[in-house]
Amino acid sequence: IQYRSLLKITEEQFMGPPITVVVELVAGLFLCLW
C-alpha cells in the first residue's frame, strides 16, 4: 500500500510489488502454512 501511494505521488505506473514484498509474502505464507 505504501509503495502504491509512492507511485501515485511520482505518477508512475504500478507494474507489480517490489521483490522484497514478494519475498515477504512467500515467507509469511510458508510460516502460516507450517
ModelCIF file with pLDDT and N, C-alpha, C, O atoms, coordinates in Angstrom:
data_MODEL
#
_entry.id   MODEL 
#
_entity.id                         1 
_entity.type                       polymer 
_entity.pdbx_number_of_molecules   1 
#
_entity_poly.entity_id                      1 
_entity_poly.type                           'polypeptide(L)' 
_entity_poly.nstd_linkage                   no 
_entity_poly.nstd_monomer                   no 
_entity_poly.pdbx_seq_one_letter_code       IQYRSLLKITEEQFMGPPITVVVELVAGLFLCLW 
_entity_poly.pdbx_seq_one_letter_code_can   IQYRSLLKITEEQFMGPPITVVVELVAGLFLCLW 
_entity_poly.pdbx_strand_id                 A 
#
loop_
_entity_poly_seq.entity_id 
_entity_poly_seq.num 
_entity_poly_seq.mon_id 
_entity_poly_seq.hetero 
1 1  ILE n 
1 2  GLN n 
1 3  TYR n 
1 4  ARG n 
1 5  SER n 
1 6  LEU n 
1 7  LEU n 
1 8  LYS n 
1 9  ILE n 
1 10 THR n 
1 11 GLU n 
1 12 GLU n 
1 13 GLN n 
1 14 PHE n 
1 15 MET n 
1 16 GLY n 
1 17 PRO n 
1 18 PRO n 
1 19 ILE n 
1 20 THR n 
1 21 VAL n 
1 22 VAL n 
1 23 VAL n 
1 24 GLU n 
1 25 LEU n 
1 26 VAL n 
1 27 ALA n 
1 28 GLY n 
1 29 LEU n 
1 30 PHE n 
1 31 LEU n 
1 32 CYS n 
1 33 LEU n 
1 34 TRP n 
#
_struct_asym.id          A 
_struct_asym.entity_id   1 
#
loop_
_ma_qa_metric.id 
_ma_qa_metric.mode 
_ma_qa_metric.name 
_ma_qa_metric.software_group_id 
_ma_qa_metric.type 
1 global pLDDT . pLDDT 
2 local  pLDDT . pLDDT 
#
_ma_qa_metric_global.metric_id      1 
_ma_qa_metric_global.metric_value   91.53 
_ma_qa_metric_global.model_id       1 
_ma_qa_metric_global.ordinal_id     1 
#
loop_
_ma_qa_metric_local.label_asym_id 
_ma_qa_metric_local.label_comp_id 
_ma_qa_metric_local.label_seq_id 
_ma_qa_metric_local.metric_id 
_ma_qa_metric_local.metric_value 
_ma_qa_metric_local.model_id 
_ma_qa_metric_local.ordinal_id 
A ILE 1  2 92.00 1 1  
A GLN 2  2 93.00 1 2  
A TYR 3  2 92.00 1 3  
A ARG 4  2 90.00 1 4  
A SER 5  2 91.00 1 5  
A LEU 6  2 91.00 1 6  
A LEU 7  2 90.00 1 7  
A LYS 8  2 90.00 1 8  
A ILE 9  2 92.00 1 9  
A THR 10 2 91.00 1 10 
A GLU 11 2 88.00 1 11 
A GLU 12 2 87.00 1 12 
A GLN 13 2 87.00 1 13 
A PHE 14 2 81.00 1 14 
A MET 15 2 86.00 1 15 
A GLY 16 2 82.00 1 16 
A PRO 17 2 84.00 1 17 
A PRO 18 2 89.00 1 18 
A ILE 19 2 93.00 1 19 
A THR 20 2 94.00 1 20 
A VAL 21 2 94.00 1 21 
A VAL 22 2 94.00 1 22 
A VAL 23 2 96.00 1 23 
A GLU 24 2 95.00 1 24 
A LEU 25 2 95.00 1 25 
A VAL 26 2 96.00 1 26 
A ALA 27 2 96.00 1 27 
A GLY 28 2 96.00 1 28 
A LEU 29 2 96.00 1 29 
A PHE 30 2 96.00 1 30 
A LEU 31 2 95.00 1 31 
A CYS 32 2 94.00 1 32 
A LEU 33 2 94.00 1 33 
A TRP 34 2 92.00 1 34 
#
loop_
_atom_site.group_PDB 
_atom_site.id 
_atom_site.type_symbol 
_atom_site.label_atom_id 
_atom_site.label_alt_id 
_atom_site.label_comp_id 
_atom_site.label_asym_id 
_atom_site.label_entity_id 
_atom_site.label_seq_id 
_atom_site.pdbx_PDB_ins_code 
_atom_site.Cartn_x 
_atom_site.Cartn_y 
_atom_site.Cartn_z 
_atom_site.occupancy 
_atom_site.B_iso_or_equiv 
_atom_site.pdbx_formal_charge 
_atom_site.auth_seq_id 
_atom_site.auth_comp_id 
_atom_site.auth_asym_id 
_atom_site.auth_atom_id 
_atom_site.pdbx_PDB_model_num 
ATOM 1   N N  . ILE A 1 1  ? 0.832  -1.202  0.000   1.00 92.00 ? 1  ILE A N  1 
ATOM 2   C CA . ILE A 1 1  ? 0.000  0.000   0.000   1.00 92.00 ? 1  ILE A CA 1 
ATOM 3   C C  . ILE A 1 1  ? 0.867  1.252   0.000   1.00 92.00 ? 1  ILE A C  1 
ATOM 4   O O  . ILE A 1 1  ? 0.581  2.210   -0.718  1.00 92.00 ? 1  ILE A O  1 
ATOM 5   N N  . GLN A 1 2  ? 1.909  1.244   0.794   1.00 93.00 ? 2  GLN A N  1 
ATOM 6   C CA . GLN A 1 2  ? 2.813  2.389   0.849   1.00 93.00 ? 2  GLN A CA 1 
ATOM 7   C C  . GLN A 1 2  ? 3.530  2.582   -0.489  1.00 93.00 ? 2  GLN A C  1 
ATOM 8   O O  . GLN A 1 2  ? 3.724  3.714   -0.931  1.00 93.00 ? 2  GLN A O  1 
ATOM 9   N N  . TYR A 1 3  ? 3.920  1.486   -1.131  1.00 92.00 ? 3  TYR A N  1 
ATOM 10  C CA . TYR A 1 3  ? 4.591  1.558   -2.424  1.00 92.00 ? 3  TYR A CA 1 
ATOM 11  C C  . TYR A 1 3  ? 3.658  2.121   -3.492  1.00 92.00 ? 3  TYR A C  1 
ATOM 12  O O  . TYR A 1 3  ? 4.081  2.917   -4.331  1.00 92.00 ? 3  TYR A O  1 
ATOM 13  N N  . ARG A 1 4  ? 2.384  1.709   -3.464  1.00 90.00 ? 4  ARG A N  1 
ATOM 14  C CA . ARG A 1 4  ? 1.426  2.224   -4.448  1.00 90.00 ? 4  ARG A CA 1 
ATOM 15  C C  . ARG A 1 4  ? 1.156  3.704   -4.244  1.00 90.00 ? 4  ARG A C  1 
ATOM 16  O O  . ARG A 1 4  ? 1.003  4.451   -5.209  1.00 90.00 ? 4  ARG A O  1 
ATOM 17  N N  . SER A 1 5  ? 1.098  4.128   -2.987  1.00 91.00 ? 5  SER A N  1 
ATOM 18  C CA . SER A 1 5  ? 0.885  5.559   -2.753  1.00 91.00 ? 5  SER A CA 1 
ATOM 19  C C  . SER A 1 5  ? 2.103  6.370   -3.213  1.00 91.00 ? 5  SER A C  1 
ATOM 20  O O  . SER A 1 5  ? 1.950  7.490   -3.700  1.00 91.00 ? 5  SER A O  1 
ATOM 21  N N  . LEU A 1 6  ? 3.300  5.816   -3.061  1.00 91.00 ? 6  LEU A N  1 
ATOM 22  C CA . LEU A 1 6  ? 4.508  6.485   -3.552  1.00 91.00 ? 6  LEU A CA 1 
ATOM 23  C C  . LEU A 1 6  ? 4.481  6.585   -5.075  1.00 91.00 ? 6  LEU A C  1 
ATOM 24  O O  . LEU A 1 6  ? 4.900  7.599   -5.634  1.00 91.00 ? 6  LEU A O  1 
ATOM 25  N N  . LEU A 1 7  ? 3.996  5.554   -5.745  1.00 90.00 ? 7  LEU A N  1 
ATOM 26  C CA . LEU A 1 7  ? 3.904  5.592   -7.202  1.00 90.00 ? 7  LEU A CA 1 
ATOM 27  C C  . LEU A 1 7  ? 2.877  6.612   -7.673  1.00 90.00 ? 7  LEU A C  1 
ATOM 28  O O  . LEU A 1 7  ? 3.056  7.230   -8.722  1.00 90.00 ? 7  LEU A O  1 
ATOM 29  N N  . LYS A 1 8  ? 1.797  6.797   -6.904  1.00 90.00 ? 8  LYS A N  1 
ATOM 30  C CA . LYS A 1 8  ? 0.800  7.805   -7.271  1.00 90.00 ? 8  LYS A CA 1 
ATOM 31  C C  . LYS A 1 8  ? 1.380  9.213   -7.154  1.00 90.00 ? 8  LYS A C  1 
ATOM 32  O O  . LYS A 1 8  ? 1.074  10.089  -7.963  1.00 90.00 ? 8  LYS A O  1 
ATOM 33  N N  . ILE A 1 9  ? 2.222  9.420   -6.138  1.00 92.00 ? 9  ILE A N  1 
ATOM 34  C CA . ILE A 1 9  ? 2.832  10.733  -5.962  1.00 92.00 ? 9  ILE A CA 1 
ATOM 35  C C  . ILE A 1 9  ? 3.800  11.024  -7.102  1.00 92.00 ? 9  ILE A C  1 
ATOM 36  O O  . ILE A 1 9  ? 3.833  12.138  -7.626  1.00 92.00 ? 9  ILE A O  1 
ATOM 37  N N  . THR A 1 10 ? 4.588  10.021  -7.483  1.00 91.00 ? 10 THR A N  1 
ATOM 38  C CA . THR A 1 10 ? 5.560  10.222  -8.564  1.00 91.00 ? 10 THR A CA 1 
ATOM 39  C C  . THR A 1 10 ? 4.945  10.015  -9.940  1.00 91.00 ? 10 THR A C  1 
ATOM 40  O O  . THR A 1 10 ? 5.637  10.173  -10.946 1.00 91.00 ? 10 THR A O  1 
ATOM 41  N N  . GLU A 1 11 ? 3.652  9.662   -10.012 1.00 88.00 ? 11 GLU A N  1 
ATOM 42  C CA . GLU A 1 11 ? 2.902  9.467   -11.257 1.00 88.00 ? 11 GLU A CA 1 
ATOM 43  C C  . GLU A 1 11 ? 3.535  8.405   -12.158 1.00 88.00 ? 11 GLU A C  1 
ATOM 44  O O  . GLU A 1 11 ? 3.654  8.597   -13.369 1.00 88.00 ? 11 GLU A O  1 
ATOM 45  N N  . GLU A 1 12 ? 3.933  7.299   -11.563 1.00 87.00 ? 12 GLU A N  1 
ATOM 46  C CA . GLU A 1 12 ? 4.456  6.163   -12.326 1.00 87.00 ? 12 GLU A CA 1 
ATOM 47  C C  . GLU A 1 12 ? 3.415  5.057   -12.342 1.00 87.00 ? 12 GLU A C  1 
ATOM 48  O O  . GLU A 1 12 ? 2.498  5.039   -11.521 1.00 87.00 ? 12 GLU A O  1 
ATOM 49  N N  . GLN A 1 13 ? 3.562  4.142   -13.279 1.00 87.00 ? 13 GLN A N  1 
ATOM 50  C CA . GLN A 1 13 ? 2.639  3.016   -13.401 1.00 87.00 ? 13 GLN A CA 1 
ATOM 51  C C  . GLN A 1 13 ? 3.014  1.917   -12.406 1.00 87.00 ? 13 GLN A C  1 
ATOM 52  O O  . GLN A 1 13 ? 4.188  1.694   -12.109 1.00 87.00 ? 13 GLN A O  1 
ATOM 53  N N  . PHE A 1 14 ? 1.995  1.248   -11.907 1.00 81.00 ? 14 PHE A N  1 
ATOM 54  C CA . PHE A 1 14 ? 2.221  0.114   -10.997 1.00 81.00 ? 14 PHE A CA 1 
ATOM 55  C C  . PHE A 1 14 ? 2.400  -1.143  -11.835 1.00 81.00 ? 14 PHE A C  1 
ATOM 56  O O  . PHE A 1 14 ? 1.450  -1.616  -12.459 1.00 81.00 ? 14 PHE A O  1 
ATOM 57  N N  . MET A 1 15 ? 3.592  -1.676  -11.851 1.00 86.00 ? 15 MET A N  1 
ATOM 58  C CA . MET A 1 15 ? 3.877  -2.889  -12.622 1.00 86.00 ? 15 MET A CA 1 
ATOM 59  C C  . MET A 1 15 ? 3.865  -4.133  -11.758 1.00 86.00 ? 15 MET A C  1 
ATOM 60  O O  . MET A 1 15 ? 3.838  -5.247  -12.283 1.00 86.00 ? 15 MET A O  1 
ATOM 61  N N  . GLY A 1 16 ? 3.885  -3.972  -10.467 1.00 82.00 ? 16 GLY A N  1 
ATOM 62  C CA . GLY A 1 16 ? 3.893  -5.096  -9.544  1.00 82.00 ? 16 GLY A CA 1 
ATOM 63  C C  . GLY A 1 16 ? 4.607  -4.690  -8.267  1.00 82.00 ? 16 GLY A C  1 
ATOM 64  O O  . GLY A 1 16 ? 5.286  -3.664  -8.223  1.00 82.00 ? 16 GLY A O  1 
ATOM 65  N N  . PRO A 1 17 ? 4.452  -5.487  -7.247  1.00 84.00 ? 17 PRO A N  1 
ATOM 66  C CA . PRO A 1 17 ? 5.120  -5.144  -5.987  1.00 84.00 ? 17 PRO A CA 1 
ATOM 67  C C  . PRO A 1 17 ? 6.630  -5.375  -6.093  1.00 84.00 ? 17 PRO A C  1 
ATOM 68  O O  . PRO A 1 17 ? 7.085  -6.151  -6.934  1.00 84.00 ? 17 PRO A O  1 
ATOM 69  N N  . PRO A 1 18 ? 7.395  -4.708  -5.249  1.00 89.00 ? 18 PRO A N  1 
ATOM 70  C CA . PRO A 1 18 ? 8.844  -4.929  -5.254  1.00 89.00 ? 18 PRO A CA 1 
ATOM 71  C C  . PRO A 1 18 ? 9.187  -6.366  -4.836  1.00 89.00 ? 18 PRO A C  1 
ATOM 72  O O  . PRO A 1 18 ? 8.377  -7.051  -4.212  1.00 89.00 ? 18 PRO A O  1 
ATOM 73  N N  . ILE A 1 19 ? 10.368 -6.796  -5.179  1.00 93.00 ? 19 ILE A N  1 
ATOM 74  C CA . ILE A 1 19 ? 10.788 -8.171  -4.907  1.00 93.00 ? 19 ILE A CA 1 
ATOM 75  C C  . ILE A 1 19 ? 10.853 -8.440  -3.401  1.00 93.00 ? 19 ILE A C  1 
ATOM 76  O O  . ILE A 1 19 ? 10.640 -9.574  -2.971  1.00 93.00 ? 19 ILE A O  1 
ATOM 77  N N  . THR A 1 20 ? 11.142 -7.419  -2.602  1.00 94.00 ? 20 THR A N  1 
ATOM 78  C CA . THR A 1 20 ? 11.188 -7.623  -1.145  1.00 94.00 ? 20 THR A CA 1 
ATOM 79  C C  . THR A 1 20 ? 9.805  -7.965  -0.601  1.00 94.00 ? 20 THR A C  1 
ATOM 80  O O  . THR A 1 20 ? 9.679  -8.769  0.322   1.00 94.00 ? 20 THR A O  1 
ATOM 81  N N  . VAL A 1 21 ? 8.764  -7.353  -1.174  1.00 94.00 ? 21 VAL A N  1 
ATOM 82  C CA . VAL A 1 21 ? 7.403  -7.658  -0.742  1.00 94.00 ? 21 VAL A CA 1 
ATOM 83  C C  . VAL A 1 21 ? 7.017  -9.077  -1.155  1.00 94.00 ? 21 VAL A C  1 
ATOM 84  O O  . VAL A 1 21 ? 6.348  -9.783  -0.400  1.00 94.00 ? 21 VAL A O  1 
ATOM 85  N N  . VAL A 1 22 ? 7.430  -9.488  -2.331  1.00 94.00 ? 22 VAL A N  1 
ATOM 86  C CA . VAL A 1 22 ? 7.132  -10.850 -2.791  1.00 94.00 ? 22 VAL A CA 1 
ATOM 87  C C  . VAL A 1 22 ? 7.831  -11.874 -1.894  1.00 94.00 ? 22 VAL A C  1 
ATOM 88  O O  . VAL A 1 22 ? 7.255  -12.910 -1.563  1.00 94.00 ? 22 VAL A O  1 
ATOM 89  N N  . VAL A 1 23 ? 9.059  -11.584 -1.505  1.00 96.00 ? 23 VAL A N  1 
ATOM 90  C CA . VAL A 1 23 ? 9.793  -12.489 -0.606  1.00 96.00 ? 23 VAL A CA 1 
ATOM 91  C C  . VAL A 1 23 ? 9.095  -12.544 0.755   1.00 96.00 ? 23 VAL A C  1 
ATOM 92  O O  . VAL A 1 23 ? 8.986  -13.613 1.356   1.00 96.00 ? 23 VAL A O  1 
ATOM 93  N N  . GLU A 1 24 ? 8.624  -11.396 1.237   1.00 95.00 ? 24 GLU A N  1 
ATOM 94  C CA . GLU A 1 24 ? 7.877  -11.376 2.500   1.00 95.00 ? 24 GLU A CA 1 
ATOM 95  C C  . GLU A 1 24 ? 6.602  -12.191 2.393   1.00 95.00 ? 24 GLU A C  1 
ATOM 96  O O  . GLU A 1 24 ? 6.263  -12.928 3.319   1.00 95.00 ? 24 GLU A O  1 
ATOM 97  N N  . LEU A 1 25 ? 5.894  -12.075 1.287   1.00 95.00 ? 25 LEU A N  1 
ATOM 98  C CA . LEU A 1 25 ? 4.658  -12.842 1.099   1.00 95.00 ? 25 LEU A CA 1 
ATOM 99  C C  . LEU A 1 25 ? 4.914  -14.343 1.112   1.00 95.00 ? 25 LEU A C  1 
ATOM 100 O O  . LEU A 1 25 ? 4.176  -15.102 1.739   1.00 95.00 ? 25 LEU A O  1 
ATOM 101 N N  . VAL A 1 26 ? 5.957  -14.760 0.422   1.00 96.00 ? 26 VAL A N  1 
ATOM 102 C CA . VAL A 1 26 ? 6.277  -16.187 0.376   1.00 96.00 ? 26 VAL A CA 1 
ATOM 103 C C  . VAL A 1 26 ? 6.689  -16.692 1.760   1.00 96.00 ? 26 VAL A C  1 
ATOM 104 O O  . VAL A 1 26 ? 6.276  -17.773 2.180   1.00 96.00 ? 26 VAL A O  1 
ATOM 105 N N  . ALA A 1 27 ? 7.505  -15.903 2.465   1.00 96.00 ? 27 ALA A N  1 
ATOM 106 C CA . ALA A 1 27 ? 7.940  -16.309 3.803   1.00 96.00 ? 27 ALA A CA 1 
ATOM 107 C C  . ALA A 1 27 ? 6.759  -16.353 4.773   1.00 96.00 ? 27 ALA A C  1 
ATOM 108 O O  . ALA A 1 27 ? 6.634  -17.294 5.557   1.00 96.00 ? 27 ALA A O  1 
ATOM 109 N N  . GLY A 1 28 ? 5.897  -15.340 4.723   1.00 96.00 ? 28 GLY A N  1 
ATOM 110 C CA . GLY A 1 28 ? 4.721  -15.322 5.600   1.00 96.00 ? 28 GLY A CA 1 
ATOM 111 C C  . GLY A 1 28 ? 3.768  -16.456 5.290   1.00 96.00 ? 28 GLY A C  1 
ATOM 112 O O  . GLY A 1 28 ? 3.211  -17.069 6.201   1.00 96.00 ? 28 GLY A O  1 
ATOM 113 N N  . LEU A 1 29 ? 3.576  -16.742 4.010   1.00 96.00 ? 29 LEU A N  1 
ATOM 114 C CA . LEU A 1 29 ? 2.708  -17.854 3.628   1.00 96.00 ? 29 LEU A CA 1 
ATOM 115 C C  . LEU A 1 29 ? 3.273  -19.179 4.111   1.00 96.00 ? 29 LEU A C  1 
ATOM 116 O O  . LEU A 1 29 ? 2.532  -20.020 4.619   1.00 96.00 ? 29 LEU A O  1 
ATOM 117 N N  . PHE A 1 30 ? 4.572  -19.373 3.960   1.00 96.00 ? 30 PHE A N  1 
ATOM 118 C CA . PHE A 1 30 ? 5.197  -20.609 4.409   1.00 96.00 ? 30 PHE A CA 1 
ATOM 119 C C  . PHE A 1 30 ? 5.062  -20.775 5.929   1.00 96.00 ? 30 PHE A C  1 
ATOM 120 O O  . PHE A 1 30 ? 4.742  -21.862 6.411   1.00 96.00 ? 30 PHE A O  1 
ATOM 121 N N  . LEU A 1 31 ? 5.307  -19.697 6.676   1.00 95.00 ? 31 LEU A N  1 
ATOM 122 C CA . LEU A 1 31 ? 5.209  -19.780 8.138   1.00 95.00 ? 31 LEU A CA 1 
ATOM 123 C C  . LEU A 1 31 ? 3.776  -20.045 8.590   1.00 95.00 ? 31 LEU A C  1 
ATOM 124 O O  . LEU A 1 31 ? 3.549  -20.850 9.493   1.00 95.00 ? 31 LEU A O  1 
ATOM 125 N N  . CYS A 1 32 ? 2.816  -19.379 7.972   1.00 94.00 ? 32 CYS A N  1 
ATOM 126 C CA . CYS A 1 32 ? 1.407  -19.606 8.338   1.00 94.00 ? 32 CYS A CA 1 
ATOM 127 C C  . CYS A 1 32 ? 0.967  -21.023 7.975   1.00 94.00 ? 32 CYS A C  1 
ATOM 128 O O  . CYS A 1 32 ? 0.229  -21.654 8.731   1.00 94.00 ? 32 CYS A O  1 
ATOM 129 N N  . LEU A 1 33 ? 1.407  -21.520 6.839   1.00 94.00 ? 33 LEU A N  1 
ATOM 130 C CA . LEU A 1 33 ? 1.065  -22.877 6.432   1.00 94.00 ? 33 LEU A CA 1 
ATOM 131 C C  . LEU A 1 33 ? 1.676  -23.895 7.380   1.00 94.00 ? 33 LEU A C  1 
ATOM 132 O O  . LEU A 1 33 ? 1.013  -24.859 7.764   1.00 94.00 ? 33 LEU A O  1 
ATOM 133 N N  . TRP A 1 34 ? 2.920  -23.695 7.756   1.00 92.00 ? 34 TRP A N  1 
ATOM 134 C CA . TRP A 1 34 ? 3.583  -24.611 8.685   1.00 92.00 ? 34 TRP A CA 1 
ATOM 135 C C  . TRP A 1 34 ? 2.881  -24.616 10.036  1.00 92.00 ? 34 TRP A C  1 
ATOM 136 O O  . TRP A 1 34 ? 3.299  -25.330 10.947  1.00 92.00 ? 34 TRP A O  1 
#
